[in-house]
Amino acid sequence: MKSYDLIDESTRKPLHVPDSARINRLYRKEAFIFEWRYTGGHDRRASIIHHANGKEYLVFYENLYGYSVLDLTSMKTANYIPRESSIHDERFEETFIWVVPHYDPFNSLLAVEGCIWAAPYSIVVLDFSDPMQIIEAGRWADLDYDRLREVYNETYDEFKAWTQDALICTNGIISKKDILKKIAQWRGYGIYGK
């Protein structure tokens, strides 16, 4: 993968405006296969997921909010920006910013480290059994939000590992049974239970 910045030199606009961006190109054995433009302004790297279904997927970002997936077999993409973060007026709402995804091959879950505009840094988990089916923000289970809200800037949770039965984080171990229960609980309620 190769990246370069495209900045409108005539206006010196920052990377997060539409006419400036980070251009990313994906290669397979020196052959160019895919390109995307990221206008989020912060450097986030794409990740290749080796899925339990035998396929490979590229998880990448075109905007600060949301995520995109490329099926590396069919070369089809699925793109998502949360509705509340795509509005450019007084109705705009911050949503969870994906930073680093971690795939669980045992249960096809995706743990994603990230934040709501820099703090608190936490982890959301979503069902990734069908990578091309977009999971909306209201169905991302933020496992640490309640705990981190109490200590806001003092506790940051980072991913350590998936095991067959649990998610290991810097601040503890969460059983997959509890994670799946949390995912079911969050469905239809918005990321913070709204």
Protein backbone atom coordinates (compact mmCIF):
# COMPACT_ATOMS: atom_id res chain seq x y z
CA MET A 1 0.00 0.00 0.00
CA LYS A 2 1.27 3.47 -0.88
CA SER A 3 -0.11 6.84 0.22
CA TYR A 4 0.52 10.44 -0.71
CA ASP A 5 -1.03 13.77 0.20
CA LEU A 6 -2.96 15.85 -2.27
CA ILE A 7 -3.13 19.42 -0.98
CA ASP A 8 -4.68 22.31 -2.86
CA GLU A 9 -1.58 24.54 -2.96
CA SER A 10 -3.55 27.51 -4.30
CA THR A 11 -5.67 27.76 -1.16
CA ARG A 12 -3.49 25.80 1.33
CA LYS A 13 -6.62 23.99 2.49
CA PRO A 14 -6.17 21.22 5.10
CA LEU A 15 -6.49 17.53 4.22
CA HIS A 16 -10.09 17.20 5.47
CA VAL A 17 -11.64 19.41 2.77
CA PRO A 18 -12.96 17.82 -0.44
CA ASP A 19 -10.28 19.19 -2.78
CA SER A 20 -7.44 18.00 -0.54
CA ALA A 21 -6.91 14.44 0.66
CA ARG A 22 -4.63 11.50 1.26
CA ILE A 23 -4.59 9.29 -1.82
CA ASN A 24 -4.09 5.61 -1.00
CA ARG A 25 -3.20 2.93 -3.52
CA LEU A 26 -3.28 -0.80 -2.95
CA TYR A 27 -1.00 -3.11 -4.93
CA ARG A 28 -0.86 -6.88 -5.29
CA LYS A 29 2.56 -8.13 -6.39
CA GLU A 30 3.50 -4.71 -7.82
CA ALA A 31 0.21 -4.50 -9.78
CA PHE A 32 -2.11 -1.62 -8.89
CA ILE A 33 -5.54 -2.94 -7.84
CA PHE A 34 -7.43 -0.22 -5.92
CA GLU A 35 -7.33 3.45 -4.98
CA TRP A 36 -9.28 5.52 -2.48
CA ARG A 37 -9.26 9.06 -1.20
CA TYR A 38 -9.27 9.84 2.54
CA THR A 39 -10.44 13.31 3.56
CA GLY A 40 -10.43 12.85 7.33
CA GLY A 41 -7.34 14.88 8.10
CA HIS A 42 -5.80 12.34 10.52
CA ASP A 43 -3.59 9.48 9.42
CA ARG A 44 -5.40 6.14 9.69
CA ARG A 45 -4.09 3.01 8.07
CA ALA A 46 -6.19 0.42 6.27
CA SER A 47 -6.14 -3.21 7.44
CA ILE A 48 -6.44 -6.46 5.51
CA ILE A 49 -8.68 -9.00 7.25
CA HIS A 50 -8.21 -12.72 6.54
CA HIS A 51 -11.80 -13.80 7.15
CA ALA A 52 -13.04 -17.19 8.36
CA ASN A 53 -15.05 -17.44 5.10
CA GLY A 54 -11.74 -17.85 3.22
CA LYS A 55 -11.77 -14.38 1.64
CA GLU A 56 -9.68 -11.30 2.31
CA TYR A 57 -11.17 -7.85 2.95
CA LEU A 58 -9.63 -4.43 3.17
CA VAL A 59 -11.08 -2.23 5.93
CA PHE A 60 -10.33 1.39 5.00
CA TYR A 61 -11.55 4.93 5.58
CA GLU A 62 -12.72 7.66 3.24
CA ASN A 63 -13.86 10.08 5.94
CA LEU A 64 -13.08 10.72 9.60
CA TYR A 65 -16.37 8.99 10.49
CA GLY A 66 -17.56 5.57 9.38
CA TYR A 67 -15.71 2.85 7.52
CA SER A 68 -15.45 1.10 4.15
CA VAL A 69 -14.81 -2.53 3.17
CA LEU A 70 -13.34 -3.86 -0.07
CA ASP A 71 -13.84 -7.54 -0.97
CA LEU A 72 -10.42 -8.36 -2.44
CA THR A 73 -11.90 -11.22 -4.49
CA SER A 74 -14.81 -9.47 -6.20
CA MET A 75 -13.35 -5.92 -5.82
CA LYS A 76 -16.77 -4.68 -4.63
CA THR A 77 -16.94 -2.06 -1.91
CA ALA A 78 -19.35 -1.20 0.90
CA ASN A 79 -19.12 2.32 2.34
CA TYR A 80 -20.70 3.85 5.43
CA ILE A 81 -20.70 7.26 7.12
CA PRO A 82 -23.09 7.61 10.08
CA ARG A 83 -25.99 9.87 9.11
CA GLU A 84 -25.59 12.06 12.21
CA SER A 85 -21.92 12.75 11.38
CA SER A 86 -22.50 13.49 7.71
CA ILE A 87 -24.77 16.48 8.35
CA HIS A 88 -23.00 19.83 8.06
CA ASP A 89 -25.28 22.01 10.19
CA GLU A 90 -26.46 22.34 13.82
CA ARG A 91 -27.75 18.71 13.76
CA PHE A 92 -24.19 17.31 13.37
CA GLU A 93 -23.22 14.74 16.03
CA GLU A 94 -19.87 13.17 16.80
CA THR A 95 -19.76 9.41 16.35
CA PHE A 96 -17.09 6.86 17.18
CA ILE A 97 -13.95 7.28 15.04
CA TRP A 98 -12.41 3.96 14.00
CA VAL A 99 -8.65 3.78 14.46
CA VAL A 100 -7.51 0.12 14.51
CA PRO A 101 -9.74 -2.92 13.74
CA HIS A 102 -8.93 -6.39 15.14
CA TYR A 103 -10.72 -9.40 13.62
CA ASP A 104 -11.76 -12.42 15.71
CA PRO A 105 -11.60 -15.54 13.50
CA PHE A 106 -13.36 -17.67 16.14
CA ASN A 107 -16.68 -15.77 16.07
CA SER A 108 -16.25 -13.27 13.18
CA LEU A 109 -16.42 -10.30 15.51
CA LEU A 110 -14.52 -7.08 14.89
CA ALA A 111 -13.09 -5.15 17.85
CA VAL A 112 -12.24 -1.60 16.83
CA GLU A 113 -10.06 0.72 18.89
CA GLY A 114 -11.03 4.34 18.55
CA CYS A 115 -12.58 7.35 20.20
CA ILE A 116 -15.17 10.08 20.19
CA TRP A 117 -12.98 12.98 19.05
CA ALA A 118 -9.79 11.89 20.90
CA ALA A 119 -11.21 10.85 24.28
CA PRO A 120 -12.06 8.52 25.78
CA TYR A 121 -10.12 5.94 23.77
CA SER A 122 -12.14 2.74 23.90
CA ILE A 123 -13.23 -0.32 21.93
CA VAL A 124 -16.41 -1.05 19.99
CA VAL A 125 -17.30 -4.54 18.83
CA LEU A 126 -19.55 -5.48 15.93
CA ASP A 127 -20.69 -8.56 14.08
CA PHE A 128 -18.36 -9.00 11.09
CA SER A 129 -19.72 -12.34 9.87
CA ASP A 130 -20.78 -10.68 6.59
CA PRO A 131 -18.11 -7.99 5.99
CA MET A 132 -19.98 -6.51 3.01
CA GLN A 133 -23.10 -5.88 5.09
CA ILE A 134 -22.62 -2.49 6.74
CA ILE A 135 -23.25 -2.41 10.46
CA GLU A 136 -24.57 1.03 11.41
CA ALA A 137 -23.22 2.98 14.39
CA GLY A 138 -26.30 2.17 16.47
CA ARG A 139 -25.27 -1.49 16.40
CA TRP A 140 -21.64 -1.01 17.48
CA ALA A 141 -21.34 -2.21 21.08
CA ASP A 142 -19.03 0.21 22.94
CA LEU A 143 -17.86 -2.13 25.67
CA ASP A 144 -16.12 0.48 27.77
CA TYR A 145 -18.23 3.61 27.45
CA ASP A 146 -20.01 3.36 30.82
CA ARG A 147 -16.79 2.59 32.68
CA LEU A 148 -14.71 5.19 30.84
CA ARG A 149 -17.35 7.89 31.22
CA GLU A 150 -16.78 7.81 34.99
CA VAL A 151 -13.02 8.43 34.69
CA TYR A 152 -13.05 10.13 31.24
CA ASN A 153 -9.41 11.13 30.66
CA GLU A 154 -7.80 8.78 33.17
CA THR A 155 -8.56 5.38 31.66
CA TYR A 156 -7.91 4.35 28.08
CA ASP A 157 -8.55 0.82 26.94
CA GLU A 158 -6.51 -0.81 24.21
CA PHE A 159 -6.91 -4.15 22.45
CA LYS A 160 -4.49 -6.90 23.43
CA ALA A 161 -5.85 -10.13 21.91
CA TRP A 162 -8.83 -12.27 20.99
CA THR A 163 -9.01 -15.74 22.54
CA GLN A 164 -11.55 -18.42 21.77
CA ASP A 165 -13.71 -17.27 24.70
CA ALA A 166 -12.79 -13.64 25.41
CA LEU A 167 -11.47 -10.24 24.38
CA ILE A 168 -8.36 -9.24 26.29
CA CYS A 169 -7.86 -5.49 26.79
CA THR A 170 -5.41 -3.43 28.82
CA ASN A 171 -8.12 -2.90 31.45
CA GLY A 172 -9.36 -6.47 31.74
CA ILE A 173 -10.92 -9.48 30.05
CA ILE A 174 -14.44 -9.46 28.61
CA SER A 175 -16.08 -12.79 27.87
CA LYS A 176 -17.51 -13.34 24.39
CA LYS A 177 -20.78 -14.34 26.02
CA ASP A 178 -20.97 -10.83 27.55
CA ILE A 179 -19.89 -9.22 24.26
CA LEU A 180 -22.61 -11.03 22.28
CA LYS A 181 -25.17 -10.05 24.93
CA LYS A 182 -24.00 -6.42 24.68
CA ILE A 183 -24.26 -6.46 20.87
CA ALA A 184 -27.83 -7.76 21.11
CA GLN A 185 -28.66 -5.15 23.78
CA TRP A 186 -27.35 -2.23 21.66
CA ARG A 187 -29.33 -3.11 18.53
CA GLY A 188 -31.67 -0.31 17.63
CA TYR A 189 -30.74 1.96 20.55
CA GLY A 190 -27.90 4.06 19.10
CA ILE A 191 -24.31 3.81 20.23
CA TYR A 192 -24.98 5.34 23.67
CA GLY A 193 -28.40 3.91 24.32
CA LYS A 194 -30.31 6.94 22.98
